[in-house]
Amino acid sequence: MKTTMIALMGVGVLAAACTSTGNMERNAAGGAALGAVAGAVIGNNVGSGSASTGAAIGAAIGGAAGAVKGCREDGGCGAAEANRRQYYDERARRYYYYDARSGRYFWENGAPRS
């Protein structure tokens, strides 16, 4: 039992550390690892006492929850729309906005503001 839990935790930590893509993959791997550990502990202590079944269920639920959380952090999965607060340039007599993703300013029509 202990070796199974240690192996699951090790695999989860390695999987979470090795991803270089986005928050979705990183959070899915971390959620799956934490869910597997929690599921193994709960599964071992509740019901028929099957740590492996609890780990599998916990990994599935934790992975799904982590993926949704990461997707929302990346700006997808129904996350709030980007802040399109407009500012007014009195000299140019035009509105512009700041794009947080690119770190640049753009005129209201989408042209870069210089």
Protein backbone atom coordinates (compact mmCIF):
# COMPACT_ATOMS: atom_id res chain seq x y z
CA MET A 1 0.00 0.00 0.00
CA LYS A 2 2.73 2.47 0.95
CA THR A 3 4.81 1.71 -2.13
CA THR A 4 1.76 2.20 -4.36
CA MET A 5 1.04 5.59 -2.84
CA ILE A 6 4.67 6.67 -3.06
CA ALA A 7 4.80 5.57 -6.70
CA LEU A 8 1.59 7.47 -7.51
CA MET A 9 2.86 10.60 -5.82
CA GLY A 10 6.19 10.38 -7.63
CA VAL A 11 4.57 9.95 -11.02
CA GLY A 12 2.20 12.84 -10.33
CA VAL A 13 4.99 15.17 -9.29
CA LEU A 14 7.07 14.28 -12.33
CA ALA A 15 4.14 14.69 -14.69
CA ALA A 16 3.24 18.07 -13.24
CA ALA A 17 6.83 19.32 -13.37
CA CYS A 18 7.63 18.25 -16.92
CA THR A 19 4.91 20.00 -18.86
CA SER A 20 6.01 23.10 -20.72
CA THR A 21 2.75 23.90 -22.45
CA GLY A 22 0.00 25.78 -20.69
CA ASN A 23 -1.81 25.97 -17.41
CA MET A 24 -4.41 23.46 -18.53
CA GLU A 25 -1.96 20.57 -18.88
CA ARG A 26 0.01 21.49 -15.79
CA ASN A 27 -3.10 21.81 -13.62
CA ALA A 28 -4.61 18.62 -15.05
CA ALA A 29 -1.49 16.64 -14.15
CA GLY A 30 -1.31 18.17 -10.69
CA GLY A 31 -5.01 17.63 -10.09
CA ALA A 32 -4.76 14.02 -11.19
CA ALA A 33 -1.82 13.43 -8.85
CA LEU A 34 -3.53 15.02 -5.87
CA GLY A 35 -6.81 13.28 -6.70
CA ALA A 36 -5.08 9.91 -6.94
CA VAL A 37 -3.45 10.33 -3.54
CA ALA A 38 -6.66 11.54 -1.90
CA GLY A 39 -8.68 8.82 -3.63
CA ALA A 40 -6.27 6.11 -2.49
CA VAL A 41 -6.45 7.27 1.11
CA ILE A 42 -10.24 7.58 1.06
CA GLY A 43 -10.70 4.33 -0.88
CA ASN A 44 -8.52 2.46 1.58
CA ASN A 45 -10.51 3.69 4.57
CA VAL A 46 -14.07 3.64 3.19
CA GLY A 47 -16.24 0.94 1.70
CA SER A 48 -14.52 -2.24 0.52
CA GLY A 49 -11.05 -0.85 1.26
CA SER A 50 -9.79 -0.70 -2.35
CA ALA A 51 -7.04 1.90 -2.57
CA SER A 52 -6.48 1.32 -6.29
CA THR A 53 -10.14 1.95 -7.17
CA GLY A 54 -10.15 5.09 -5.05
CA ALA A 55 -6.94 6.27 -6.68
CA ALA A 56 -8.35 5.77 -10.17
CA ILE A 57 -11.57 7.62 -9.36
CA GLY A 58 -9.68 10.41 -7.57
CA ALA A 59 -7.24 10.79 -10.47
CA ALA A 60 -10.08 11.11 -12.98
CA ILE A 61 -11.97 13.68 -10.93
CA GLY A 62 -8.83 15.62 -9.96
CA GLY A 63 -7.53 15.64 -13.52
CA ALA A 64 -10.81 16.96 -14.89
CA ALA A 65 -11.03 19.66 -12.23
CA GLY A 66 -7.42 20.68 -12.82
CA ALA A 67 -7.93 20.83 -16.58
CA VAL A 68 -10.94 23.11 -16.25
CA LYS A 69 -9.12 25.37 -13.78
CA GLY A 70 -6.08 25.61 -16.08
CA CYS A 71 -8.22 26.25 -19.14
CA ARG A 72 -9.92 29.13 -17.35
CA GLU A 73 -6.51 30.53 -16.32
CA ASP A 74 -5.46 30.44 -19.98
CA GLY A 75 -8.56 32.47 -20.90
CA GLY A 76 -10.69 29.69 -22.36
CA CYS A 77 -13.51 27.43 -21.12
CA GLY A 78 -15.96 30.25 -20.56
CA ALA A 79 -13.62 32.52 -18.64
CA ALA A 80 -14.55 36.17 -18.51
CA GLU A 81 -13.93 38.11 -21.69
CA ALA A 82 -10.80 40.22 -21.94
CA ASN A 83 -10.99 43.65 -20.38
CA ARG A 84 -11.84 46.03 -23.22
CA ARG A 85 -11.94 49.15 -21.09
CA GLN A 86 -11.38 52.07 -23.39
CA TYR A 87 -9.40 55.20 -22.69
CA TYR A 88 -9.68 58.51 -24.48
CA ASP A 89 -6.67 60.24 -26.06
CA GLU A 90 -7.51 63.94 -26.04
CA ARG A 91 -4.78 64.93 -28.52
CA ALA A 92 -5.80 62.33 -31.08
CA ARG A 93 -9.48 62.58 -30.14
CA ARG A 94 -9.79 58.81 -30.33
CA TYR A 95 -10.40 55.91 -27.99
CA TYR A 96 -7.82 53.22 -27.34
CA TYR A 97 -7.52 50.12 -25.14
CA TYR A 98 -4.81 48.04 -23.49
CA ASP A 99 -4.41 44.38 -24.44
CA ALA A 100 -3.06 42.50 -21.39
CA ARG A 101 -2.07 39.43 -23.43
CA SER A 102 0.31 41.29 -25.71
CA GLY A 103 1.11 44.15 -23.34
CA ARG A 104 0.41 46.70 -26.08
CA TYR A 105 -2.06 49.52 -26.70
CA PHE A 106 -4.43 49.55 -29.66
CA TRP A 107 -6.77 52.10 -31.17
CA GLU A 108 -10.48 51.36 -31.09
CA ASN A 109 -10.35 49.97 -34.65
CA GLY A 110 -7.60 47.44 -33.69
CA ALA A 111 -4.62 49.30 -35.18
CA PRO A 112 -1.53 49.48 -32.92
CA ARG A 113 -1.24 52.74 -31.01
CA SER A 114 2.21 54.29 -31.30
